[in-house]
C-alpha atoms as a PDB file:
ATOM      1  CA  MET A   1       1.037   1.812 -19.530  1.00  0.00           C
ATOM      2  CA  PHE A   2       3.858  -0.729 -19.985  1.00  0.00           C
ATOM      3  CA  GLY A   3       3.001  -1.172 -23.660  1.00  0.00           C
ATOM      4  CA  ILE A   4      -0.230  -3.017 -22.827  1.00  0.00           C
ATOM      5  CA  GLY A   5      -3.224  -2.010 -24.880  1.00  0.00           C
ATOM      6  CA  PHE A   6      -6.875  -2.215 -23.933  1.00  0.00           C
ATOM      7  CA  SER A   7      -7.433  -5.539 -25.691  1.00  0.00           C
ATOM      8  CA  GLU A   8      -4.454  -7.186 -23.960  1.00  0.00           C
ATOM      9  CA  LEU A   9      -5.612  -5.881 -20.589  1.00  0.00           C
ATOM     10  CA  LEU A  10      -9.096  -7.240 -21.240  1.00  0.00           C
ATOM     11  CA  VAL A  11      -7.698 -10.680 -22.096  1.00  0.00           C
ATOM     12  CA  ILE A  12      -5.598 -10.704 -18.904  1.00  0.00           C
ATOM     13  CA  LEU A  13      -8.638  -9.775 -16.805  1.00  0.00           C
ATOM     14  CA  LEU A  14     -10.746 -12.497 -18.423  1.00  0.00           C
ATOM     15  CA  VAL A  15      -8.056 -15.111 -17.778  1.00  0.00           C
ATOM     16  CA  CYS A  16      -7.857 -14.032 -14.133  1.00  0.00           C
ATOM     17  CA  LEU A  17     -11.626 -14.267 -13.883  1.00  0.00           C
ATOM     18  CA  LEU A  18     -11.572 -17.795 -15.277  1.00  0.00           C
ATOM     19  CA  LEU A  19      -8.697 -18.922 -13.054  1.00  0.00           C
ATOM     20  CA  PHE A  20      -9.794 -17.471  -9.737  1.00  0.00           C
ATOM     21  CA  GLY A  21     -13.536 -16.946 -10.099  1.00  0.00           C
ATOM     22  CA  ALA A  22     -15.568 -13.836  -9.474  1.00  0.00           C
ATOM     23  CA  SER A  23     -15.847 -14.408  -5.727  1.00  0.00           C
ATOM     24  CA  ARG A  24     -12.084 -14.494  -5.089  1.00  0.00           C
ATOM     25  CA  LEU A  25     -11.013 -11.563  -7.283  1.00  0.00           C
ATOM     26  CA  PRO A  26     -11.851  -8.822  -4.718  1.00  0.00           C
ATOM     27  CA  GLU A  27     -10.044 -10.814  -2.033  1.00  0.00           C
ATOM     28  CA  ILE A  28      -6.961 -11.191  -4.222  1.00  0.00           C
ATOM     29  CA  GLY A  29      -7.014  -7.499  -5.132  1.00  0.00           C
ATOM     30  CA  LYS A  30      -7.251  -6.498  -1.486  1.00  0.00           C
ATOM     31  CA  SER A  31      -4.348  -8.705  -0.429  1.00  0.00           C
ATOM     32  CA  LEU A  32      -2.254  -7.500  -3.362  1.00  0.00           C
ATOM     33  CA  GLY A  33      -2.943  -3.869  -2.440  1.00  0.00           C
ATOM     34  CA  GLU A  34      -2.020  -4.503   1.194  1.00  0.00           C
ATOM     35  CA  GLY A  35       1.205  -6.184   0.112  1.00  0.00           C
ATOM     36  CA  ILE A  36       2.173  -3.254  -2.093  1.00  0.00           C
ATOM     37  CA  ARG A  37       1.333  -0.819   0.712  1.00  0.00           C
ATOM     38  CA  GLU A  38       3.523  -2.741   3.189  1.00  0.00           C
ATOM     39  CA  PHE A  39       6.352  -2.902   0.646  1.00  0.00           C
ATOM     40  CA  LYS A  40       6.262   0.869   0.115  1.00  0.00           C
ATOM     41  CA  LYS A  41       6.137   1.414   3.876  1.00  0.00           C
ATOM     42  CA  SER A  42       9.201  -0.769   4.441  1.00  0.00           C
ATOM     43  CA  ILE A  43      11.088   0.998   1.634  1.00  0.00           C
ATOM     44  CA  LYS A  44      10.380   4.377   3.226  1.00  0.00           C
ATOM     45  CA  GLU A  45      11.445   3.104   6.657  1.00  0.00           C
ATOM     46  CA  SER A  46      14.665   1.574   5.347  1.00  0.00           C
ATOM     47  CA  SER A  47      15.591   4.731   3.437  1.00  0.00           C
ATOM     48  CA  GLY A  48      14.997   6.747   6.607  1.00  0.00           C
ATOM     49  CA  ASP A  49      17.259   4.379   8.559  1.00  0.00           C
ATOM     50  CA  SER A  50      20.063   4.628   6.010  1.00  0.00           C
ATOM     51  CA  GLN A  51      20.068   8.430   6.134  1.00  0.00           C
ATOM     52  CA  SER A  52      20.532   8.727   9.898  1.00  0.00           C
ATOM     53  CA  PRO A  53      24.030   7.103  10.039  1.00  0.00           C
ATOM     54  CA  LYS A  54      25.240   9.452   7.300  1.00  0.00           C
ATOM     55  CA  GLU A  55      24.147  12.411   9.381  1.00  0.00           C
ATOM     56  CA  ASP A  56      25.932  10.996  12.432  1.00  0.00           C
ATOM     57  CA  LYS A  57      29.201  10.636  10.485  1.00  0.00           C
ATOM     58  CA  LYS A  58      29.031  14.247   9.340  1.00  0.00           C
ATOM     59  CA  SER A  59      28.637  15.530  12.903  1.00  0.00           C
ATOM     60  CA  ASN A  60      31.768  13.657  14.126  1.00  0.00           C
END
C-alpha cells in the first residue's frame, strides 16, 4: 500500500486526529469520499465523450 507500513499509517491518523479533532474527522472523510466519487464520475463521462467523435469519423 504505497510503501506505508502500519506504524506510519497510525502516526498519520494520530496527527489528523490532533489537527482536526474527533468531531470533524467523519465530516472530512465524507467530503473527501464525495470528491473522489465526483472525480471518477467526471473521468468516466469525459472518456465517453472522447470516444463518440472517433466513432463519427470512422462512419464518414
